[in-house]
Protein backbone atom coordinates (compact mmCIF):
# COMPACT_ATOMS: atom_id res chain seq x y z
CA MET A 1 47.95 96.80 77.45
CA PRO A 2 51.05 94.64 76.67
CA ALA A 3 50.46 90.95 76.19
CA PRO A 4 51.41 88.66 79.13
CA ARG A 5 53.95 86.80 76.97
CA ASP A 6 55.69 90.10 76.08
CA CYS A 7 55.82 91.08 79.74
CA VAL A 8 57.44 87.76 80.71
CA LYS A 9 59.94 88.07 77.89
CA SER A 10 60.77 91.65 78.89
CA ARG A 11 61.32 90.64 82.52
CA CYS A 12 63.63 87.79 81.46
CA VAL A 13 65.70 90.15 79.29
CA ILE A 14 65.97 92.63 82.15
CA ARG A 15 66.97 89.88 84.60
CA LEU A 16 69.74 88.62 82.27
CA ALA A 17 71.00 92.14 81.56
CA THR A 18 71.04 92.91 85.29
CA ALA A 19 73.11 89.80 86.05
CA ARG A 20 75.64 90.70 83.34
CA ALA A 21 75.81 94.32 84.49
CA ARG A 22 76.54 93.21 88.07
CA ALA A 23 79.32 90.92 86.86
CA GLU A 24 80.85 93.82 84.87
CA ARG A 25 80.33 96.54 87.44
CA TRP A 26 84.08 97.00 87.90
CA TYR A 27 84.43 97.95 84.25
CA THR A 28 81.58 100.44 84.28
CA SER A 29 82.61 101.98 87.61
CA PHE A 30 85.87 103.22 86.11
CA PRO A 31 85.39 103.15 82.33
CA ARG A 32 88.42 105.32 81.54
CA ALA A 33 90.74 104.35 84.39
CA PHE A 34 90.45 100.58 83.82
CA PRO A 35 92.22 100.45 80.39
CA TRP A 36 94.84 102.93 81.58
CA ALA A 37 95.43 100.89 84.73
CA ILE A 38 95.93 97.69 82.70
CA GLY A 39 98.39 99.42 80.35
CA ALA A 40 100.23 101.09 83.23
CA ALA A 41 100.56 97.79 85.10
CA VAL A 42 102.06 96.05 82.05
CA MET A 43 104.43 98.97 81.40
CA MET A 44 105.47 98.92 85.07
CA VAL A 45 106.32 95.22 84.79
CA ALA A 46 108.28 95.91 81.59
CA ALA A 47 110.11 98.77 83.31
CA LEU A 48 111.03 96.50 86.24
CA VAL A 49 112.34 93.91 83.79
CA VAL A 50 114.40 96.58 82.00
CA ILE A 51 115.79 97.80 85.33
CA ALA A 52 116.76 94.23 86.21
CA ILE A 53 118.43 93.79 82.80
CA GLU A 54 120.35 97.05 83.21
CA GLN A 55 121.43 96.06 86.72
CA VAL A 56 122.69 92.71 85.42
CA ASN A 57 124.59 94.53 82.65
CA ALA A 58 126.05 96.96 85.19
CA GLU A 59 127.13 94.10 87.45
CA ARG A 60 128.63 92.31 84.48
CA LEU A 61 130.54 95.48 83.56
CA HIS A 62 131.81 95.77 87.15
CA SER A 63 132.87 92.12 87.02
CA GLN A 64 134.74 92.72 83.76
CA LEU A 65 136.45 95.77 85.23
CA HIS A 66 137.43 93.76 88.31
CA ALA A 67 138.74 90.89 86.19
CA VAL A 68 140.78 93.19 83.95
CA ALA A 69 142.15 95.09 86.95
CA ALA A 70 143.14 91.85 88.67
CA GLY A 71 144.81 90.51 85.51
CA VAL A 72 146.70 93.70 84.66
CA GLY A 73 147.65 94.28 88.32
CA GLY A 74 148.98 90.73 88.58
CA ALA A 75 150.99 91.20 85.36
CA LEU A 76 152.46 94.45 86.72
CA GLU A 77 153.47 92.83 89.99
CA ARG A 78 154.97 89.83 88.18
CA ARG A 79 157.05 92.06 85.92
CA ALA A 80 158.13 94.20 88.86
CA SER A 81 158.99 91.06 90.79
CA ALA A 82 161.14 89.92 87.86
CA HIS A 83 162.98 93.27 87.90
CA VAL A 84 163.50 93.01 91.64
CA THR A 85 164.75 89.43 91.33
CA PHE A 86 167.25 90.43 88.63
CA LEU A 87 168.49 93.34 90.70
CA ARG A 88 168.89 91.19 93.81
CA ALA A 89 170.84 88.59 91.83
CA GLY A 90 172.98 91.28 90.25
CA ALA A 91 173.71 92.82 93.63
CA LEU A 92 174.90 89.45 94.99
CA LEU A 93 177.14 88.83 91.96
CA LEU A 94 178.64 92.31 91.91
CA GLY A 95 179.14 92.41 95.66
CA ALA A 96 181.15 89.19 95.59
CA GLY A 97 183.40 90.10 92.69
CA GLY A 98 185.19 93.17 93.95
CA ALA A 99 185.68 95.88 91.35
CA ILE A 100 182.78 96.34 88.93
CA THR A 101 183.36 97.02 85.24
CA GLY A 102 181.08 97.83 82.35
CA LYS A 103 181.67 94.35 80.97
CA ASP A 104 180.31 92.83 84.18
CA LEU A 105 177.16 94.91 83.94
CA SER A 106 176.56 94.05 80.28
CA GLY A 107 176.93 90.37 80.98
CA LEU A 108 174.53 90.59 83.88
CA ALA A 109 171.97 92.42 81.74
CA ALA A 110 172.34 89.87 78.94
CA ALA A 111 171.69 87.01 81.33
CA MET A 112 168.60 88.74 82.74
CA SER A 113 167.15 89.56 79.33
CA ASP A 114 166.61 85.89 78.54
CA ASP A 115 163.41 85.94 80.63
CA ALA A 116 160.36 85.21 78.47
CA GLU A 117 158.21 87.96 80.00
CA GLU A 118 160.61 90.77 79.06
CA ARG A 119 159.78 92.95 76.07
CA GLY A 120 163.14 93.84 74.55
CA ARG A 121 166.32 94.05 76.55
CA LEU A 122 166.42 95.02 80.23
CA THR A 123 168.22 98.28 81.03
CA ILE A 124 170.36 98.30 84.20
CA THR A 125 172.58 101.11 85.43
CA TRP A 126 175.42 101.04 87.92
CA ALA A 127 176.02 104.07 90.11
CA PRO A 128 178.86 103.68 92.63
CA LEU A 129 179.16 105.64 95.86
CA VAL A 130 182.01 108.16 95.14
CA PRO A 131 183.49 110.46 97.84
CA VAL A 132 183.69 114.08 96.79
CA ARG A 133 187.40 114.21 97.52
CA GLY A 134 188.02 111.30 95.13
CA LEU A 135 185.90 112.66 92.28
CA ASP A 136 188.84 113.65 90.06
CA ALA A 137 190.48 110.25 90.37
CA PHE A 138 187.14 108.57 89.61
CA VAL A 139 186.67 110.61 86.43
CA ALA A 140 190.25 109.92 85.33
CA ALA A 141 189.79 106.18 85.82
CA ARG A 142 186.67 106.17 83.68
CA ARG A 143 188.36 108.05 80.87
CA ALA A 144 191.24 105.60 81.06
CA GLU A 145 188.73 102.81 80.46
CA GLY A 146 187.83 104.42 77.17
CA MET A 147 184.85 106.51 78.26
CA THR A 148 186.08 109.62 76.51
CA GLY A 149 184.50 112.83 77.71
CA PHE A 150 183.08 111.25 80.85
CA THR A 151 182.17 113.93 83.37
CA VAL A 152 180.10 114.01 86.52
CA HIS A 153 177.18 116.42 86.52
CA PRO A 154 175.91 118.40 88.19
CA LEU A 155 178.90 119.28 90.36
CA PRO A 156 178.30 118.81 94.09
CA GLY A 157 177.50 121.78 96.24
CA PRO A 158 179.06 122.74 99.58
CA GLY A 159 178.59 120.20 102.33
CA ARG A 160 178.26 117.17 100.05
CA GLU A 161 180.43 114.18 100.97
CA PHE A 162 179.34 111.56 98.46
CA LEU A 163 178.11 111.45 94.87
CA VAL A 164 176.25 108.63 93.12
CA PRO A 165 177.05 109.19 89.41
CA VAL A 166 175.72 106.89 86.70
CA THR A 167 178.80 105.05 85.52
CA TYR A 168 177.64 102.14 83.36
CA VAL A 169 174.38 101.65 81.42
CA SER A 170 173.77 98.18 80.05
CA ASN A 171 171.65 99.33 77.10
CA PRO A 172 172.10 103.07 76.66
CA HIS A 173 169.89 103.25 73.57
CA GLN A 174 167.18 100.81 74.63
CA GLY A 175 165.02 103.02 76.82
CA PRO A 176 164.90 106.12 78.92
CA GLY A 177 167.21 106.31 81.89
CA PRO A 178 169.82 108.46 83.57
CA THR A 179 172.69 109.53 81.29
CA GLU A 180 176.29 108.55 82.10
CA GLY A 181 177.86 110.79 84.68
CA TYR A 182 174.57 112.08 86.09
CA ASP A 183 174.75 112.40 89.88
CA MET A 184 171.50 110.76 90.99
CA ALA A 185 172.04 111.97 94.56
CA SER A 186 171.66 115.53 93.35
CA GLU A 187 167.92 115.05 92.82
CA PRO A 188 165.86 114.83 96.07
CA LEU A 189 163.40 112.12 94.93
CA ARG A 190 166.14 109.80 93.73
CA ARG A 191 168.31 110.52 96.76
CA ALA A 192 165.41 109.74 99.13
CA ALA A 193 164.74 106.39 97.40
CA MET A 194 168.44 105.43 97.58
CA GLU A 195 168.60 106.29 101.27
CA ARG A 196 165.53 104.09 101.93
CA ALA A 197 167.05 101.23 99.91
CA ALA A 198 170.40 101.48 101.78
CA HIS A 199 168.63 101.58 105.12
CA ALA A 200 166.32 98.62 104.32
CA ARG A 201 168.95 96.68 102.31
CA ARG A 202 166.31 95.80 99.72
CA PRO A 203 164.99 97.13 96.40
CA VAL A 204 163.03 100.40 96.70
CA ALA A 205 161.15 102.29 93.98
CA THR A 206 161.12 106.04 93.63
CA THR A 207 158.03 108.18 93.40
CA ARG A 208 156.88 109.58 90.05
CA ILE A 209 159.88 111.05 88.19
CA GLU A 210 160.83 112.10 84.68
CA LEU A 211 163.16 109.74 82.80
CA PHE A 212 165.28 110.80 79.79
CA ARG A 213 166.47 109.06 76.69
CA PRO A 214 170.07 109.91 76.17
CA ASP A 215 169.68 110.13 72.39
CA THR A 216 166.64 112.45 72.33
CA GLY A 217 166.45 114.06 75.74
CA ARG A 218 162.63 113.83 75.66
CA PRO A 219 161.10 113.18 79.08
CA ARG A 220 159.24 109.98 79.85
CA THR A 221 157.27 109.51 83.06
CA GLY A 222 158.20 106.52 85.15
CA PHE A 223 160.16 105.46 88.21
CA LEU A 224 163.44 103.83 89.24
CA ILE A 225 164.03 100.72 91.32
CA TYR A 226 167.22 100.96 93.37
CA MET A 227 169.09 97.95 94.79
CA PRO A 228 171.98 98.65 97.14
CA VAL A 229 175.20 96.68 96.48
CA TYR A 230 177.42 95.76 99.43
CA ALA A 231 180.96 94.33 99.36
CA ARG A 232 181.09 91.03 101.17
CA ALA A 233 184.87 91.05 101.61
CA GLU A 234 184.78 94.46 103.30
CA ARG A 235 182.18 93.71 105.99
CA GLY A 236 179.21 94.98 104.06
CA ARG A 237 180.56 98.31 102.83
CA LEU A 238 178.09 100.05 100.48
CA LEU A 239 179.59 100.08 97.02
CA GLY A 240 176.75 101.75 95.11
CA PHE A 241 173.37 101.10 93.57
CA LEU A 242 172.02 99.01 90.75
CA ALA A 243 169.06 100.85 89.22
CA SER A 244 166.43 99.73 86.76
CA PRO A 245 164.59 102.66 85.09
CA ILE A 246 161.02 101.74 84.20
CA ASN A 247 159.04 103.62 81.56
CA ALA A 248 155.56 103.59 83.07
CA ARG A 249 153.81 103.66 79.66
CA GLN A 250 155.82 100.69 78.33
CA PHE A 251 155.46 98.93 81.66
CA LEU A 252 151.67 99.30 81.56
CA GLU A 253 151.38 98.35 77.88
CA ALA A 254 153.40 95.18 78.48
CA ALA A 255 151.06 94.19 81.31
CA GLN A 256 148.02 95.00 79.15
CA ALA A 257 149.32 92.74 76.38
CA ALA A 258 149.32 89.82 78.79
CA VAL A 259 145.63 90.27 79.71
CA PRO A 260 142.74 91.00 77.28
CA SER A 261 141.47 94.39 78.42
CA ARG A 262 138.34 94.48 76.16
CA GLY A 263 139.01 98.08 75.21
CA PHE A 264 139.02 99.42 78.78
CA GLU A 265 141.16 102.40 79.66
CA LEU A 266 144.13 101.66 81.96
CA SER A 267 145.65 104.31 84.21
CA LEU A 268 148.55 103.88 86.67
CA TYR A 269 148.86 106.41 89.50
CA ASP A 270 151.50 107.01 92.12
CA GLY A 271 149.52 106.13 95.25
CA ALA A 272 146.35 108.14 94.62
CA VAL A 273 144.16 109.25 91.71
CA ALA A 274 145.28 112.80 90.93
CA PRO A 275 146.43 114.52 87.72
CA ASP A 276 149.89 115.25 89.14
CA ARG A 277 150.34 111.59 90.16
CA LEU A 278 149.54 109.99 86.83
CA LEU A 279 152.34 107.66 85.73
CA ALA A 280 150.87 106.30 82.50
CA ARG A 281 147.60 105.86 80.68
CA VAL A 282 146.60 103.44 77.91
CA PRO A 283 143.46 104.79 76.24
CA GLY A 284 140.45 102.55 75.63
CA GLU A 285 136.81 103.49 75.14
CA ARG A 286 136.01 107.17 74.67
CA ASP A 287 134.64 109.13 77.62
CA PRO A 288 134.83 106.40 80.29
CA ASP A 289 132.46 107.04 83.16
CA ILE A 290 132.84 103.99 85.39
CA GLY A 291 135.99 102.54 86.90
CA PHE A 292 137.53 100.08 89.32
CA ALA A 293 140.67 100.89 91.34
CA LEU A 294 143.14 98.20 92.43
CA PRO A 295 146.17 98.83 94.71
CA VAL A 296 149.46 97.48 93.29
CA THR A 297 152.79 97.28 95.14
CA ILE A 298 156.01 97.65 93.13
CA ALA A 299 159.25 97.22 95.08
CA GLY A 300 157.57 98.37 98.29
CA LYS A 301 155.99 101.37 96.53
CA PRO A 302 152.15 101.50 96.60
CA LEU A 303 150.67 102.30 93.19
CA LEU A 304 147.07 102.44 92.08
CA LEU A 305 145.76 100.81 88.91
CA LEU A 306 142.51 102.28 87.60
CA VAL A 307 140.53 100.38 84.95
CA SER A 308 137.83 102.56 83.36
CA GLY A 309 135.02 101.76 80.98
CA HIS A 310 132.02 103.41 79.43
CA ALA A 311 128.62 102.49 80.80
CA ARG A 312 126.01 102.55 78.06
CA GLY A 313 124.16 105.83 78.16
CA ALA A 314 121.29 104.37 76.20
CA LEU A 315 119.50 101.13 76.89
CA THR A 316 120.89 97.84 75.70
CA PRO A 317 119.22 96.19 72.69
CA LEU A 318 117.63 93.62 75.00
CA SER A 319 116.19 96.40 77.18
CA VAL A 320 114.88 98.26 74.12
CA ALA A 321 113.29 95.07 72.81
CA THR A 322 111.74 94.45 76.24
CA LEU A 323 110.33 97.96 76.37
CA VAL A 324 108.93 97.72 72.84
CA ALA A 325 107.36 94.34 73.61
CA GLY A 326 105.95 95.71 76.88
CA LEU A 327 104.56 98.76 75.08
CA LEU A 328 102.89 96.63 72.42
CA LEU A 329 101.48 94.25 75.03
CA ALA A 330 100.26 97.17 77.16
CA LEU A 331 98.63 98.74 74.11
CA ALA A 332 96.97 95.46 73.15
CA LEU A 333 95.69 94.83 76.68
CA ALA A 334 94.54 98.45 77.02
CA VAL A 335 92.60 98.15 73.75
CA LEU A 336 91.14 94.84 74.93
CA ALA A 337 90.21 96.39 78.28
CA TRP A 338 88.66 99.34 76.45
CA LEU A 339 86.59 96.96 74.31
CA VAL A 340 85.47 95.04 77.40
CA THR A 341 84.63 98.30 79.15
CA ARG A 342 82.80 99.52 76.07
CA HIS A 343 80.82 96.31 75.92
CA ALA A 344 80.02 96.60 79.65
CA GLU A 345 78.87 100.20 79.15
CA GLN A 346 76.64 99.08 76.31
CA ASP A 347 75.18 96.37 78.55
CA ARG A 348 74.61 98.96 81.26
CA ALA A 349 72.99 101.36 78.77
CA ARG A 350 70.85 98.52 77.40
CA LEU A 351 69.79 97.62 80.94
CA ASP A 352 68.98 101.24 81.69
CA TRP A 353 66.92 101.41 78.50
CA PHE A 354 65.04 98.23 79.41
CA GLU A 355 64.39 99.51 82.92
CA GLN A 356 63.26 102.86 81.54
CA GLN A 357 60.94 101.21 79.07
CA GLU A 358 59.58 98.98 81.81
CA SER A 359 59.08 102.02 84.02
CA ILE A 360 57.36 103.89 81.19
CA ARG A 361 55.14 100.90 80.45
CA ASN A 362 54.15 100.58 84.10
CA THR A 363 53.58 104.31 84.40
CA LEU A 364 51.54 104.39 81.22
CA THR A 365 49.45 101.48 82.45
CA ARG A 366 48.80 103.15 85.79
CA GLU A 367 48.10 106.49 84.10
CA LEU A 368 45.79 104.89 81.59
CA ASN A 369 43.90 103.07 84.32
CA HIS A 370 43.66 106.27 86.33
CA ARG A 371 42.41 108.32 83.42
CA VAL A 372 39.94 105.70 82.28
CA LYS A 373 38.55 105.48 85.80
CA ASN A 374 38.35 109.27 86.02
CA THR A 375 36.66 109.49 82.64
CA LEU A 376 34.24 106.69 83.50
CA ALA A 377 33.50 108.34 86.84
CA SER A 378 32.84 111.63 85.08
CA VAL A 379 30.62 109.92 82.51
CA ILE A 380 28.72 108.05 85.23
CA SER A 381 28.19 111.32 87.13
CA ILE A 382 27.06 113.09 83.94
CA ILE A 383 24.63 110.26 83.14
CA ALA A 384 23.21 110.34 86.66
CA LEU A 385 22.77 114.11 86.68
CA THR A 386 21.40 114.18 83.13
CA ARG A 387 18.83 111.49 83.92
CA ARG A 388 17.52 113.42 86.93
CA ARG A 389 17.22 116.68 84.92
CA THR A 390 15.52 115.32 81.75
CA ARG A 391 11.94 114.21 81.11
CA ASP A 392 12.18 112.14 77.97
CA LEU A 393 14.72 109.89 76.29
CA ASP A 394 15.51 112.23 73.38
CA GLU A 395 16.39 115.09 75.65
CA PHE A 396 18.50 112.73 77.75
CA ALA A 397 20.37 111.49 74.67
CA ASP A 398 20.99 115.01 73.32
CA ASN A 399 22.27 116.38 76.61
CA LEU A 400 24.44 113.33 77.28
CA THR A 401 25.90 113.44 73.78
CA ALA A 402 26.75 117.15 74.06
CA ARG A 403 28.54 116.68 77.38
CA ILE A 404 30.50 113.64 76.20
CA LEU A 405 31.51 115.60 73.07
CA ALA A 406 32.79 118.36 75.36
CA LEU A 407 34.97 115.81 77.13
CA SER A 408 36.05 114.50 73.73
CA ALA A 409 37.10 117.97 72.53
CA THR A 410 39.39 118.44 75.51
CA HIS A 411 40.66 114.88 75.05
CA ASP A 412 41.54 115.69 71.46
CA LEU A 413 43.46 118.78 72.59
CA LEU A 414 45.41 116.80 75.19
CA THR A 415 46.11 114.01 72.75
CA GLY A 416 47.52 116.50 70.27
CA LEU A 417 49.77 117.82 73.02
CA GLY A 418 50.94 114.35 73.96
CA TRP A 419 49.08 114.52 77.30
CA ARG A 420 51.51 117.09 78.52
CA ALA A 421 50.62 120.41 80.08
CA ALA A 422 47.75 122.09 78.18
CA PRO A 423 47.62 125.89 77.80
CA LEU A 424 44.65 127.30 79.71
CA ARG A 425 43.75 129.63 76.85
CA GLU A 426 43.45 126.74 74.36
CA VAL A 427 41.30 124.68 76.72
CA ILE A 428 38.77 127.54 76.96
CA ALA A 429 38.99 128.36 73.24
CA VAL A 430 38.23 124.74 72.22
CA GLU A 431 35.02 124.68 74.27
CA LEU A 432 33.88 128.11 73.01
CA LYS A 433 34.78 127.50 69.40
CA PRO A 434 31.15 126.73 68.26
CA TYR A 435 30.00 130.09 69.67
CA SER A 436 32.85 132.30 68.48
CA GLU A 437 33.10 131.22 64.81
CA GLY A 438 31.74 133.83 62.38
CA ARG A 439 30.88 136.41 65.07
CA ASP A 440 33.09 139.32 66.08
CA GLN A 441 33.75 140.40 69.67
CA LEU A 442 31.44 137.77 71.13
CA VAL A 443 33.94 136.03 73.39
CA HIS A 444 36.85 137.83 75.07
CA LEU A 445 39.75 135.92 76.63
CA GLU A 446 42.19 137.77 78.91
CA GLY A 447 44.95 136.42 81.08
CA PRO A 448 48.61 135.26 81.26
CA GLU A 449 49.97 132.16 79.64
CA LEU A 450 49.37 129.27 82.04
CA ALA A 451 49.56 125.49 81.59
CA LEU A 452 47.31 122.95 83.29
CA ALA A 453 47.69 119.31 84.11
CA PRO A 454 45.71 116.94 81.82
CA ASN A 455 43.06 116.01 84.44
CA ASP A 456 42.63 119.65 85.51
CA ALA A 457 42.25 120.66 81.84
CA LEU A 458 39.49 118.06 81.35
CA LEU A 459 37.52 119.35 84.35
CA LEU A 460 37.96 123.01 83.33
CA GLY A 461 36.85 122.16 79.79
CA LEU A 462 33.76 120.43 81.15
CA ALA A 463 32.95 123.45 83.33
CA ILE A 464 33.40 125.90 80.43
CA HIS A 465 31.19 123.66 78.26
CA GLU A 466 28.37 123.77 80.82
CA LEU A 467 28.66 127.56 81.23
CA ALA A 468 28.73 128.03 77.44
CA THR A 469 25.74 125.68 76.95
CA ASN A 470 23.72 127.60 79.54
CA ALA A 471 24.74 130.93 77.97
CA GLY A 472 23.82 129.65 74.51
CA LYS A 473 20.36 128.60 75.65
CA TYR A 474 19.39 131.36 78.09
CA GLY A 475 22.22 133.87 78.45
CA ALA A 476 24.56 136.18 76.56
CA LEU A 477 25.43 133.73 73.80
CA SER A 478 21.75 133.38 72.85
CA VAL A 479 21.54 136.90 71.33
CA ILE A 480 23.67 138.87 68.88
CA SER A 481 24.32 141.72 71.32
CA GLY A 482 25.56 139.49 74.09
CA GLU A 483 29.16 138.80 74.91
CA VAL A 484 31.17 136.75 77.35
CA LEU A 485 34.35 137.94 79.10
CA ILE A 486 36.63 135.28 80.55
CA ARG A 487 39.54 136.47 82.69
CA TRP A 488 42.13 134.44 84.62
CA GLU A 489 45.01 135.33 86.84
CA LEU A 490 47.61 133.61 88.98
CA ILE A 491 46.73 134.29 92.59
CA ARG A 492 49.38 131.93 93.97
CA PRO A 493 52.28 130.04 92.35
CA THR A 494 50.12 126.89 92.51
CA LEU A 495 46.64 128.30 91.98
CA ALA A 496 44.87 130.25 89.19
CA ARG A 497 41.46 132.01 89.39
CA VAL A 498 39.15 131.87 86.34
CA CYS A 499 36.18 134.30 86.10
CA TRP A 500 33.23 133.86 83.69
CA GLN A 501 31.18 137.02 83.15
CA GLU A 502 28.17 137.37 80.77
CA ARG A 503 26.97 140.78 79.53
CA GLY A 504 24.31 142.03 77.04
CA GLY A 505 22.12 138.96 77.22
CA PRO A 506 18.52 138.52 78.34
CA PRO A 507 17.87 139.42 81.97
CA VAL A 508 18.32 136.51 84.31
CA PRO A 509 15.15 135.78 86.30
CA HIS A 510 15.37 135.82 90.09
CA GLN A 511 13.47 132.58 90.43
CA ARG A 512 14.90 129.80 88.24
CA ARG A 513 14.99 126.04 88.37
CA ARG A 514 18.29 124.42 89.51
CA GLY A 515 19.69 122.68 86.47
CA PHE A 516 22.30 120.10 85.59
CA GLY A 517 25.04 122.66 84.96
CA THR A 518 24.81 123.92 88.53
CA ASP A 519 25.07 120.42 89.94
CA LEU A 520 27.92 119.57 87.58
CA LEU A 521 29.93 122.63 88.57
CA GLU A 522 29.33 122.34 92.29
CA ARG A 523 29.53 118.58 92.74
CA ILE A 524 31.96 117.29 90.14
CA VAL A 525 34.22 120.15 89.07
CA ALA A 526 34.56 121.70 92.52
CA HIS A 527 35.23 118.34 94.18
CA GLU A 528 37.80 117.17 91.64
CA LEU A 529 39.64 120.49 91.48
CA GLY A 530 39.74 120.67 95.26
CA SER A 531 38.36 124.24 95.40
CA GLY A 532 34.98 125.92 95.60
CA VAL A 533 32.92 127.29 92.72
CA ASP A 534 31.20 130.65 93.14
CA LEU A 535 28.18 130.75 90.76
CA VAL A 536 26.06 133.94 90.81
CA PHE A 537 22.90 134.44 88.68
CA ALA A 538 22.89 138.24 88.50
CA THR A 539 20.18 140.07 86.50
CA GLU A 540 22.73 141.47 84.01
CA GLY A 541 24.29 138.07 83.44
CA VAL A 542 25.68 134.91 85.01
CA CYS A 543 29.02 135.28 86.86
CA CYS A 544 31.08 132.19 87.80
CA THR A 545 34.40 132.15 89.59
CA LEU A 546 36.40 128.96 90.07
CA SER A 547 39.96 128.08 91.05
CA VAL A 548 42.21 125.72 89.08
CA PRO A 549 45.47 124.24 90.47
CA VAL A 550 48.68 124.98 88.55
CA ARG A 551 50.94 122.00 88.99
CA SER A 552 54.67 121.62 88.10
CA ALA A 553 55.43 119.43 85.12
CA ALA A 554 57.18 116.83 87.32
CA GLU A 555 53.90 116.17 89.17
CA PHE A 556 52.04 114.85 86.13
CA ARG A 557 54.84 113.86 83.76
CA VAL A 558 54.05 110.41 82.43
CA ARG A 559 57.38 109.37 80.94
CA ALA A 560 59.60 110.29 83.79
CA VAL A 561 63.21 109.18 83.32
CA LYS A 562 64.69 107.17 86.15
CA PRO A 563 67.65 108.80 87.86
CA ALA A 564 71.04 107.35 86.98
CA GLY A 565 72.14 104.56 89.24
CA SER A 566 68.66 104.00 90.75
């Protein structure tokens, strides 16, 4: 029996362990999910932070694109406005002076080129309106001015009334533009722009056209701005057109130089983004994948400026650092959660062990009390029966000692088996061992392998001892020729029948005194086993049949383990 102080200490330990286990029940309920959940939560927060950082970077990139587009678009419109202003001023001067000469145009271009925004000298062309019938006189006049080899090309077709040949070019070698003598009305795009300018009496730009350098003949994409010139003295008669050819690439590069573009790609389109409408492109970052489009108006012509950049395919360094920090923090917290969960599981296992030990201790105490009471009851019954069947003290002591030794032999067997199920064959063999040693074929045991509960084994051993003692004194075991046959069989899953049969011994008398063995078998063994005992004193030998319960191991297991979670 455990000491009272140990019991109190054990209960205190169990109470403390139970309180801790309840406080940590969330960890033990999900021992694997808890660390993963902590790590996933931290990584989710890190991912949200990275998404926010990337969104801020994307918005900043859009803001940069918008700023560059606004700056470059403003520079384009300012430069175009300067061109338009020069052309308007030139048209007023030329329209008031009567006849226009090449010297007048060169002076006008020189005055305009003093503007600080211009890159190089401004190219201006003069193309008068020439009737077809006066073409020969017009060519002759130009040659008389010293323009040797001047011709108008291409020659007009049938139905043409007027030509608009390029007569003077202020800077013929400065940039691309129409060559001298080229009839600009022969080309539909130029003709349409001139008609719109004459009708609106203001500068008008052409659509996308190919410009030519007179010295190389290589095409350059761009557009022309036409300004109609009217004679004031002749009631607004149209004299011709001042034209400013604009190289789109140079025009865009000049605007880019005025605004830091941060390496963005600049593209200028004629009204809409399409390959056949591209005027010029200034490369920037490779493989741009994000852009911002800004409408730009040049001399009444809508253009479209596209500023493109490259969004980072990979994460920014700040995002990578955030992810790495989040991963390390998630790993650290997951490891910490795993350690806490591990500690909680150990507390739970320790509590289970304490509860199991307490249950085993209580069960052992109850079992020990039960067995001691059973043994004492059996001993008291044996003493009472032995006293009634003996005449002197020596006989009483001998009989009592023999019966207690029989109980002791079965106790020794059960103790060796750890008080688990005892094989029926061994229980019988232990009690018959004094009679079977050194003699052949005296005792025969036949039957299947069966196991008995400890209390049932004690009672069967006591019954076999009484039958063997009676046979050793008066029956088959008292002579050399006698033998005992013990058979058992399973008549039901929970009940076995054991038969004791003596043969070859002295004849059993019909009239015999009722002894202790009979009372023991009928009163103690039969009552405790819960079944009757059939004892027959036949002439050829005693025959005894008794039934023994066969119980499952769970019914008498002492150290039963508590179910998990109970």
